Amino acid sequence: MTTSFKPSPISRSGDPITSHLAGSEITQSGQRLTLMQQCLEYVTRNPGQTAGEIGDGTGLGHMRVERRLSDLKNQGKLKQGNHRQWHGKAQVTWWLVEEQLQLL
């Protein structure tokens, strides 16, 4: 699947310098884009899963996936759905935005 991604800020202005440095590194190395593509492909094949389930299914882990799902939401590629429990914690489900479905 080939999808274009626009860079967006990865850290907030009030975050410590280490957050800004890590954000620059993951973006410039291409790892951020790769992780976003992996998450988008997984949600395309398995819609309606939580970040925890996507992290388990991809082997990327919950926290890495959660950050990239947020990137994809901010870029209009994914949307949040209802929530459900994952390991005792409520998490939203993730779905493709309708326009994305037409591109597949």
Protein backbone atom coordinates (compact mmCIF):
# COMPACT_ATOMS: atom_id res chain seq x y z
CA MET A 1 0.00 0.00 0.00
CA THR A 2 1.43 3.37 -0.98
CA THR A 3 0.18 6.29 1.03
CA SER A 4 1.46 9.84 1.35
CA PHE A 5 2.05 11.31 4.78
CA LYS A 6 2.57 14.93 5.71
CA PRO A 7 4.98 15.64 8.53
CA SER A 8 3.28 17.06 11.61
CA PRO A 9 4.71 18.25 14.91
CA ILE A 10 5.65 15.29 17.07
CA SER A 11 6.22 17.11 20.36
CA ARG A 12 4.58 20.05 22.09
CA SER A 13 6.28 23.39 22.65
CA GLY A 14 6.34 22.81 26.43
CA ASP A 15 7.91 19.34 26.19
CA PRO A 16 11.51 18.86 27.35
CA ILE A 17 14.32 19.14 24.80
CA THR A 18 14.76 15.36 24.88
CA SER A 19 11.25 14.94 23.44
CA HIS A 20 12.06 17.33 20.60
CA LEU A 21 15.34 15.54 19.87
CA ALA A 22 13.70 12.11 19.88
CA GLY A 23 10.90 13.42 17.65
CA SER A 24 13.38 14.80 15.15
CA GLU A 25 15.37 11.57 15.13
CA ILE A 26 12.38 9.25 14.56
CA THR A 27 11.05 11.54 11.82
CA GLN A 28 14.35 12.15 10.00
CA SER A 29 15.36 8.48 10.14
CA GLY A 30 12.12 7.46 8.38
CA GLN A 31 11.11 5.22 11.27
CA ARG A 32 8.04 7.33 12.05
CA LEU A 33 6.74 6.97 8.49
CA THR A 34 7.46 3.23 8.47
CA LEU A 35 5.58 2.74 11.75
CA MET A 36 2.65 4.81 10.49
CA GLN A 37 2.48 2.71 7.33
CA GLN A 38 2.58 -0.52 9.34
CA CYS A 39 -0.23 0.70 11.58
CA LEU A 40 -2.35 1.87 8.65
CA GLU A 41 -1.90 -1.45 6.84
CA TYR A 42 -2.83 -3.37 9.99
CA VAL A 43 -5.99 -1.31 10.60
CA THR A 44 -6.92 -1.75 6.92
CA ARG A 45 -6.82 -5.54 7.38
CA ASN A 46 -8.18 -5.54 10.97
CA PRO A 47 -10.52 -2.58 11.51
CA GLY A 48 -12.04 -1.87 14.90
CA GLN A 49 -9.16 -2.93 17.11
CA THR A 50 -7.66 -1.03 20.04
CA ALA A 51 -4.11 0.34 20.15
CA GLY A 52 -3.21 -2.51 22.49
CA GLU A 53 -4.57 -5.12 20.10
CA ILE A 54 -2.82 -3.46 17.16
CA GLY A 55 0.42 -3.34 19.15
CA ASP A 56 0.09 -7.04 19.96
CA GLY A 57 -0.85 -7.94 16.39
CA THR A 58 2.01 -6.04 14.78
CA GLY A 59 4.57 -6.84 17.45
CA LEU A 60 5.31 -3.11 17.77
CA GLY A 61 3.90 -2.71 21.28
CA HIS A 62 1.08 -0.61 22.62
CA MET A 63 2.93 2.70 23.21
CA ARG A 64 4.68 2.88 19.83
CA VAL A 65 1.41 2.11 18.05
CA GLU A 66 -0.63 4.56 20.12
CA ARG A 67 1.62 7.45 19.08
CA ARG A 68 1.49 6.57 15.38
CA LEU A 69 -2.29 6.04 15.45
CA SER A 70 -2.55 9.57 16.79
CA ASP A 71 -0.40 10.79 13.86
CA LEU A 72 -2.71 8.99 11.43
CA LYS A 73 -5.79 10.47 13.09
CA ASN A 74 -4.32 13.98 12.89
CA GLN A 75 -3.71 13.43 9.17
CA GLY A 76 -7.30 12.33 8.56
CA LYS A 77 -6.44 8.72 7.72
CA LEU A 78 -7.96 7.05 10.82
CA LYS A 79 -10.79 7.82 13.19
CA GLN A 80 -11.62 6.65 16.67
CA GLY A 81 -14.62 4.48 17.38
CA ASN A 82 -16.24 3.10 20.51
CA HIS A 83 -14.11 1.99 23.40
CA ARG A 84 -13.64 -1.41 24.96
CA GLN A 85 -11.38 -3.09 27.48
CA TRP A 86 -7.83 -4.20 26.72
CA HIS A 87 -5.98 -5.70 29.70
CA GLY A 88 -8.40 -4.00 32.06
CA LYS A 89 -8.13 -0.52 30.55
CA ALA A 90 -10.63 1.25 28.33
CA GLN A 91 -9.25 2.01 24.87
CA VAL A 92 -10.87 3.39 21.75
CA THR A 93 -11.13 1.31 18.61
CA TRP A 94 -9.52 2.50 15.36
CA TRP A 95 -11.14 2.66 11.94
CA LEU A 96 -10.24 3.89 8.47
CA VAL A 97 -11.78 7.20 7.47
CA GLU A 98 -14.33 6.57 4.70
CA GLU A 99 -12.27 8.48 2.11
CA GLN A 100 -9.37 6.09 2.75
CA LEU A 101 -11.57 3.12 1.90
CA GLN A 102 -12.22 4.56 -1.55
CA LEU A 103 -8.47 4.80 -2.22
CA LEU A 104 -7.84 1.09 -1.56
